[in-house]
Amino acid sequence: MYGCEAWTISKQIQNKLEATEMWFLGRMLRIPWTTKKTNERVLNEANKRRSLVRIIRKRQATFLGHVMRR
């Protein structure tokens, strides 16, 4: 996520980020990719919510605050 403050997040990139986040969760829970589980079931098993895009947006807002103060 280094430099994420300067990223432009389109809908396509957001979808890829969310897919990557789900892939990471599946790997951490040792769920084979051939298993037919929905994203919601994986999130419930991990007791998590989607957070990667929210974290990036928060960092971007913080960075914008720093830029505006200059």
PDB file of N, CA and C in Angstrom:
ATOM      1  N   MET A   1       0.817  -1.186   0.000  1.00  0.00           N
ATOM      2  CA  MET A   1       0.000   0.000   0.000  1.00  0.00           C
ATOM      3  C   MET A   1       0.864   1.255   0.000  1.00  0.00           C
ATOM      4  N   TYR A   2       2.149   1.073  -0.182  1.00  0.00           N
ATOM      5  CA  TYR A   2       3.039   2.221  -0.220  1.00  0.00           C
ATOM      6  C   TYR A   2       2.657   3.116  -1.382  1.00  0.00           C
ATOM      7  N   GLY A   3       2.396   4.355  -1.118  1.00  0.00           N
ATOM      8  CA  GLY A   3       2.043   5.307  -2.158  1.00  0.00           C
ATOM      9  C   GLY A   3       0.581   5.288  -2.532  1.00  0.00           C
ATOM     10  N   CYS A   4      -0.251   4.605  -1.769  1.00  0.00           N
ATOM     11  CA  CYS A   4      -1.673   4.507  -2.129  1.00  0.00           C
ATOM     12  C   CYS A   4      -2.369   5.852  -2.058  1.00  0.00           C
ATOM     13  N   GLU A   5      -1.757   6.823  -1.398  1.00  0.00           N
ATOM     14  CA  GLU A   5      -2.368   8.140  -1.288  1.00  0.00           C
ATOM     15  C   GLU A   5      -2.511   8.795  -2.653  1.00  0.00           C
ATOM     16  N   ALA A   6      -1.668   8.434  -3.592  1.00  0.00           N
ATOM     17  CA  ALA A   6      -1.669   9.059  -4.903  1.00  0.00           C
ATOM     18  C   ALA A   6      -2.405   8.227  -5.950  1.00  0.00           C
ATOM     19  N   TRP A   7      -2.940   7.087  -5.575  1.00  0.00           N
ATOM     20  CA  TRP A   7      -3.648   6.237  -6.532  1.00  0.00           C
ATOM     21  C   TRP A   7      -4.972   6.869  -6.934  1.00  0.00           C
ATOM     22  N   THR A   8      -5.354   6.646  -8.178  1.00  0.00           N
ATOM     23  CA  THR A   8      -6.691   6.959  -8.636  1.00  0.00           C
ATOM     24  C   THR A   8      -7.439   5.636  -8.661  1.00  0.00           C
ATOM     25  N   ILE A   9      -8.495   5.532  -7.887  1.00  0.00           N
ATOM     26  CA  ILE A   9      -9.207   4.263  -7.774  1.00  0.00           C
ATOM     27  C   ILE A   9     -10.467   4.314  -8.624  1.00  0.00           C
ATOM     28  N   SER A  10     -10.414   3.623  -9.746  1.00  0.00           N
ATOM     29  CA  SER A  10     -11.596   3.487 -10.592  1.00  0.00           C
ATOM     30  C   SER A  10     -12.390   2.276 -10.114  1.00  0.00           C
ATOM     31  N   LYS A  11     -13.539   2.069 -10.697  1.00  0.00           N
ATOM     32  CA  LYS A  11     -14.382   0.931 -10.315  1.00  0.00           C
ATOM     33  C   LYS A  11     -13.662  -0.384 -10.636  1.00  0.00           C
ATOM     34  N   GLN A  12     -12.951  -0.424 -11.751  1.00  0.00           N
ATOM     35  CA  GLN A  12     -12.221  -1.630 -12.144  1.00  0.00           C
ATOM     36  C   GLN A  12     -11.109  -1.946 -11.144  1.00  0.00           C
ATOM     37  N   ILE A  13     -10.363  -0.949 -10.730  1.00  0.00           N
ATOM     38  CA  ILE A  13      -9.295  -1.157  -9.753  1.00  0.00           C
ATOM     39  C   ILE A  13      -9.884  -1.538  -8.406  1.00  0.00           C
ATOM     40  N   GLN A  14     -11.006  -0.930  -8.037  1.00  0.00           N
ATOM     41  CA  GLN A  14     -11.652  -1.272  -6.770  1.00  0.00           C
ATOM     42  C   GLN A  14     -12.082  -2.736  -6.776  1.00  0.00           C
ATOM     43  N   ASN A  15     -12.637  -3.210  -7.888  1.00  0.00           N
ATOM     44  CA  ASN A  15     -13.026  -4.614  -7.980  1.00  0.00           C
ATOM     45  C   ASN A  15     -11.819  -5.537  -7.856  1.00  0.00           C
ATOM     46  N   LYS A  16     -10.699  -5.163  -8.470  1.00  0.00           N
ATOM     47  CA  LYS A  16      -9.491  -5.978  -8.380  1.00  0.00           C
ATOM     48  C   LYS A  16      -8.934  -5.993  -6.959  1.00  0.00           C
ATOM     49  N   LEU A  17      -8.982  -4.849  -6.275  1.00  0.00           N
ATOM     50  CA  LEU A  17      -8.526  -4.789  -4.887  1.00  0.00           C
ATOM     51  C   LEU A  17      -9.382  -5.669  -3.982  1.00  0.00           C
ATOM     52  N   GLU A  18     -10.697  -5.626  -4.195  1.00  0.00           N
ATOM     53  CA  GLU A  18     -11.592  -6.450  -3.387  1.00  0.00           C
ATOM     54  C   GLU A  18     -11.386  -7.932  -3.672  1.00  0.00           C
ATOM     55  N   ALA A  19     -11.151  -8.283  -4.935  1.00  0.00           N
ATOM     56  CA  ALA A  19     -10.885  -9.682  -5.281  1.00  0.00           C
ATOM     57  C   ALA A  19      -9.580 -10.148  -4.646  1.00  0.00           C
ATOM     58  N   THR A  20      -8.577  -9.289  -4.638  1.00  0.00           N
ATOM     59  CA  THR A  20      -7.299  -9.635  -4.021  1.00  0.00           C
ATOM     60  C   THR A  20      -7.460  -9.814  -2.518  1.00  0.00           C
ATOM     61  N   GLU A  21      -8.238  -8.941  -1.905  1.00  0.00           N
ATOM     62  CA  GLU A  21      -8.493  -9.061  -0.476  1.00  0.00           C
ATOM     63  C   GLU A  21      -9.166 -10.395  -0.157  1.00  0.00           C
ATOM     64  N   MET A  22     -10.141 -10.791  -0.974  1.00  0.00           N
ATOM     65  CA  MET A  22     -10.824 -12.067  -0.762  1.00  0.00           C
ATOM     66  C   MET A  22      -9.871 -13.237  -0.982  1.00  0.00           C
ATOM     67  N   TRP A  23      -8.983 -13.108  -1.954  1.00  0.00           N
ATOM     68  CA  TRP A  23      -8.004 -14.162  -2.208  1.00  0.00           C
ATOM     69  C   TRP A  23      -7.087 -14.325  -0.995  1.00  0.00           C
ATOM     70  N   PHE A  24      -6.633 -13.200  -0.423  1.00  0.00           N
ATOM     71  CA  PHE A  24      -5.782 -13.265   0.772  1.00  0.00           C
ATOM     72  C   PHE A  24      -6.502 -13.945   1.924  1.00  0.00           C
ATOM     73  N   LEU A  25      -7.769 -13.576   2.143  1.00  0.00           N
ATOM     74  CA  LEU A  25      -8.531 -14.191   3.226  1.00  0.00           C
ATOM     75  C   LEU A  25      -8.693 -15.693   3.006  1.00  0.00           C
ATOM     76  N   GLY A  26      -8.978 -16.072   1.772  1.00  0.00           N
ATOM     77  CA  GLY A  26      -9.119 -17.494   1.467  1.00  0.00           C
ATOM     78  C   GLY A  26      -7.833 -18.259   1.721  1.00  0.00           C
ATOM     79  N   ARG A  27      -6.719 -17.663   1.373  1.00  0.00           N
ATOM     80  CA  ARG A  27      -5.419 -18.309   1.598  1.00  0.00           C
ATOM     81  C   ARG A  27      -5.124 -18.422   3.089  1.00  0.00           C
ATOM     82  N   MET A  28      -5.436 -17.375   3.857  1.00  0.00           N
ATOM     83  CA  MET A  28      -5.180 -17.411   5.297  1.00  0.00           C
ATOM     84  C   MET A  28      -6.040 -18.445   5.990  1.00  0.00           C
ATOM     85  N   LEU A  29      -7.270 -18.633   5.488  1.00  0.00           N
ATOM     86  CA  LEU A  29      -8.169 -19.626   6.079  1.00  0.00           C
ATOM     87  C   LEU A  29      -7.963 -21.020   5.479  1.00  0.00           C
ATOM     88  N   ARG A  30      -7.043 -21.119   4.532  1.00  0.00           N
ATOM     89  CA  ARG A  30      -6.732 -22.384   3.843  1.00  0.00           C
ATOM     90  C   ARG A  30      -7.955 -22.973   3.151  1.00  0.00           C
ATOM     91  N   ILE A  31      -8.666 -22.115   2.459  1.00  0.00           N
ATOM     92  CA  ILE A  31      -9.820 -22.546   1.679  1.00  0.00           C
ATOM     93  C   ILE A  31      -9.333 -22.755   0.243  1.00  0.00           C
ATOM     94  N   PRO A  32      -9.461 -23.966  -0.301  1.00  0.00           N
ATOM     95  CA  PRO A  32      -9.016 -24.188  -1.683  1.00  0.00           C
ATOM     96  C   PRO A  32      -9.824 -23.338  -2.660  1.00  0.00           C
ATOM     97  N   TRP A  33      -9.189 -22.912  -3.728  1.00  0.00           N
ATOM     98  CA  TRP A  33      -9.874 -22.058  -4.688  1.00  0.00           C
ATOM     99  C   TRP A  33     -10.953 -22.821  -5.439  1.00  0.00           C
ATOM    100  N   THR A  34     -10.900 -24.155  -5.405  1.00  0.00           N
ATOM    101  CA  THR A  34     -11.916 -24.958  -6.078  1.00  0.00           C
ATOM    102  C   THR A  34     -13.184 -25.107  -5.249  1.00  0.00           C
ATOM    103  N   THR A  35     -13.133 -24.746  -3.976  1.00  0.00           N
ATOM    104  CA  THR A  35     -14.297 -24.827  -3.104  1.00  0.00           C
ATOM    105  C   THR A  35     -15.307 -23.754  -3.503  1.00  0.00           C
ATOM    106  N   LYS A  36     -16.549 -24.150  -3.596  1.00  0.00           N
ATOM    107  CA  LYS A  36     -17.614 -23.204  -3.978  1.00  0.00           C
ATOM    108  C   LYS A  36     -18.141 -22.513  -2.728  1.00  0.00           C
ATOM    109  N   LYS A  37     -17.482 -21.412  -2.345  1.00  0.00           N
ATOM    110  CA  LYS A  37     -17.935 -20.617  -1.209  1.00  0.00           C
ATOM    111  C   LYS A  37     -18.110 -19.185  -1.677  1.00  0.00           C
ATOM    112  N   THR A  38     -19.168 -18.559  -1.207  1.00  0.00           N
ATOM    113  CA  THR A  38     -19.390 -17.169  -1.570  1.00  0.00           C
ATOM    114  C   THR A  38     -18.455 -16.277  -0.759  1.00  0.00           C
ATOM    115  N   ASN A  39     -18.288 -15.064  -1.235  1.00  0.00           N
ATOM    116  CA  ASN A  39     -17.448 -14.109  -0.513  1.00  0.00           C
ATOM    117  C   ASN A  39     -18.003 -13.830   0.872  1.00  0.00           C
ATOM    118  N   GLU A  40     -19.329 -13.798   0.982  1.00  0.00           N
ATOM    119  CA  GLU A  40     -19.957 -13.529   2.279  1.00  0.00           C
ATOM    120  C   GLU A  40     -19.636 -14.642   3.280  1.00  0.00           C
ATOM    121  N   ARG A  41     -19.649 -15.897   2.817  1.00  0.00           N
ATOM    122  CA  ARG A  41     -19.327 -17.004   3.713  1.00  0.00           C
ATOM    123  C   ARG A  41     -17.876 -16.943   4.177  1.00  0.00           C
ATOM    124  N   VAL A  42     -16.975 -16.570   3.270  1.00  0.00           N
ATOM    125  CA  VAL A  42     -15.565 -16.446   3.633  1.00  0.00           C
ATOM    126  C   VAL A  42     -15.388 -15.324   4.649  1.00  0.00           C
ATOM    127  N   LEU A  43     -16.062 -14.187   4.424  1.00  0.00           N
ATOM    128  CA  LEU A  43     -15.973 -13.068   5.363  1.00  0.00           C
ATOM    129  C   LEU A  43     -16.539 -13.453   6.723  1.00  0.00           C
ATOM    130  N   ASN A  44     -17.638 -14.217   6.743  1.00  0.00           N
ATOM    131  CA  ASN A  44     -18.217 -14.661   8.010  1.00  0.00           C
ATOM    132  C   ASN A  44     -17.271 -15.600   8.750  1.00  0.00           C
ATOM    133  N   GLU A  45     -16.621 -16.501   8.022  1.00  0.00           N
ATOM    134  CA  GLU A  45     -15.671 -17.421   8.658  1.00  0.00           C
ATOM    135  C   GLU A  45     -14.493 -16.675   9.273  1.00  0.00           C
ATOM    136  N   ALA A  46     -14.086 -15.599   8.620  1.00  0.00           N
ATOM    137  CA  ALA A  46     -12.947 -14.817   9.098  1.00  0.00           C
ATOM    138  C   ALA A  46     -13.360 -13.765  10.123  1.00  0.00           C
ATOM    139  N   ASN A  47     -14.658 -13.601  10.333  1.00  0.00           N
ATOM    140  CA  ASN A  47     -15.175 -12.547  11.210  1.00  0.00           C
ATOM    141  C   ASN A  47     -14.624 -11.183  10.799  1.00  0.00           C
ATOM    142  N   LYS A  48     -14.674 -10.911   9.511  1.00  0.00           N
ATOM    143  CA  LYS A  48     -14.136  -9.664   8.955  1.00  0.00           C
ATOM    144  C   LYS A  48     -15.179  -9.010   8.068  1.00  0.00           C
ATOM    145  N   ARG A  49     -14.896  -7.748   7.749  1.00  0.00           N
ATOM    146  CA  ARG A  49     -15.636  -7.021   6.726  1.00  0.00           C
ATOM    147  C   ARG A  49     -14.621  -6.586   5.689  1.00  0.00           C
ATOM    148  N   ARG A  50     -15.098  -6.252   4.508  1.00  0.00           N
ATOM    149  CA  ARG A  50     -14.172  -5.729   3.496  1.00  0.00           C
ATOM    150  C   ARG A  50     -13.622  -4.403   4.001  1.00  0.00           C
ATOM    151  N   SER A  51     -12.325  -4.275   3.977  1.00  0.00           N
ATOM    152  CA  SER A  51     -11.758  -3.068   4.573  1.00  0.00           C
ATOM    153  C   SER A  51     -10.638  -2.444   3.756  1.00  0.00           C
ATOM    154  N   LEU A  52     -10.104  -3.138   2.780  1.00  0.00           N
ATOM    155  CA  LEU A  52      -8.931  -2.634   2.070  1.00  0.00           C
ATOM    156  C   LEU A  52      -9.213  -1.310   1.375  1.00  0.00           C
ATOM    157  N   VAL A  53     -10.301  -1.221   0.628  1.00  0.00           N
ATOM    158  CA  VAL A  53     -10.618   0.011  -0.092  1.00  0.00           C
ATOM    159  C   VAL A  53     -10.935   1.128   0.895  1.00  0.00           C
ATOM    160  N   ARG A  54     -11.610   0.806   2.009  1.00  0.00           N
ATOM    161  CA  ARG A  54     -11.926   1.817   3.030  1.00  0.00           C
ATOM    162  C   ARG A  54     -10.634   2.373   3.646  1.00  0.00           C
ATOM    163  N   ILE A  55      -9.653   1.514   3.892  1.00  0.00           N
ATOM    164  CA  ILE A  55      -8.376   1.953   4.459  1.00  0.00           C
ATOM    165  C   ILE A  55      -7.647   2.866   3.476  1.00  0.00           C
ATOM    166  N   ILE A  56      -7.668   2.497   2.202  1.00  0.00           N
ATOM    167  CA  ILE A  56      -6.999   3.321   1.190  1.00  0.00           C
ATOM    168  C   ILE A  56      -7.662   4.687   1.105  1.00  0.00           C
ATOM    169  N   ARG A  57      -8.996   4.721   1.101  1.00  0.00           N
ATOM    170  CA  ARG A  57      -9.709   6.006   1.051  1.00  0.00           C
ATOM    171  C   ARG A  57      -9.379   6.877   2.269  1.00  0.00           C
ATOM    172  N   LYS A  58      -9.262   6.254   3.436  1.00  0.00           N
ATOM    173  CA  LYS A  58      -8.925   6.995   4.648  1.00  0.00           C
ATOM    174  C   LYS A  58      -7.523   7.592   4.543  1.00  0.00           C
ATOM    175  N   ARG A  59      -6.574   6.810   4.029  1.00  0.00           N
ATOM    176  CA  ARG A  59      -5.207   7.320   3.867  1.00  0.00           C
ATOM    177  C   ARG A  59      -5.165   8.450   2.851  1.00  0.00           C
ATOM    178  N   GLN A  60      -5.985   8.333   1.793  1.00  0.00           N
ATOM    179  CA  GLN A  60      -6.027   9.399   0.796  1.00  0.00           C
ATOM    180  C   GLN A  60      -6.581  10.685   1.404  1.00  0.00           C
ATOM    181  N   ALA A  61      -7.608  10.563   2.236  1.00  0.00           N
ATOM    182  CA  ALA A  61      -8.188  11.748   2.870  1.00  0.00           C
ATOM    183  C   ALA A  61      -7.192  12.390   3.832  1.00  0.00           C
ATOM    184  N   THR A  62      -6.465  11.584   4.570  1.00  0.00           N
ATOM    185  CA  THR A  62      -5.446  12.108   5.485  1.00  0.00           C
ATOM    186  C   THR A  62      -4.362  12.837   4.708  1.00  0.00           C
ATOM    187  N   PHE A  63      -3.929  12.245   3.596  1.00  0.00           N
ATOM    188  CA  PHE A  63      -2.908  12.860   2.768  1.00  0.00           C
ATOM    189  C   PHE A  63      -3.408  14.187   2.194  1.00  0.00           C
ATOM    190  N   LEU A  64      -4.673  14.210   1.769  1.00  0.00           N
ATOM    191  CA  LEU A  64      -5.243  15.451   1.234  1.00  0.00           C
ATOM    192  C   LEU A  64      -5.238  16.538   2.297  1.00  0.00           C
ATOM    193  N   GLY A  65      -5.503  16.160   3.545  1.00  0.00           N
ATOM    194  CA  GLY A  65      -5.451  17.134   4.641  1.00  0.00           C
ATOM    195  C   GLY A  65      -4.065  17.730   4.794  1.00  0.00           C
ATOM    196  N   HIS A  66      -3.049  16.877   4.673  1.00  0.00           N
ATOM    197  CA  HIS A  66      -1.670  17.372   4.774  1.00  0.00           C
ATOM    198  C   HIS A  66      -1.351  18.330   3.622  1.00  0.00           C
ATOM    199  N   VAL A  67      -1.800  17.999   2.426  1.00  0.00           N
ATOM    200  CA  VAL A  67      -1.541  18.828   1.257  1.00  0.00           C
ATOM    201  C   VAL A  67      -2.260  20.168   1.382  1.00  0.00           C
ATOM    202  N   MET A  68      -3.488  20.139   1.856  1.00  0.00           N
ATOM    203  CA  MET A  68      -4.267  21.376   1.968  1.00  0.00           C
ATOM    204  C   MET A  68      -3.696  22.322   3.016  1.00  0.00           C
ATOM    205  N   ARG A  69      -3.039  21.798   4.039  1.00  0.00           N
ATOM    206  CA  ARG A  69      -2.462  22.653   5.073  1.00  0.00           C
ATOM    207  C   ARG A  69      -1.251  23.412   4.583  1.00  0.00           C
ATOM    208  N   ARG A  70      -0.600  22.937   3.562  1.00  0.00           N
ATOM    209  CA  ARG A  70       0.589  23.622   3.039  1.00  0.00           C
ATOM    210  C   ARG A  70       0.129  24.875   2.421  1.00  0.00           C
TER     211      ARG A  70
END
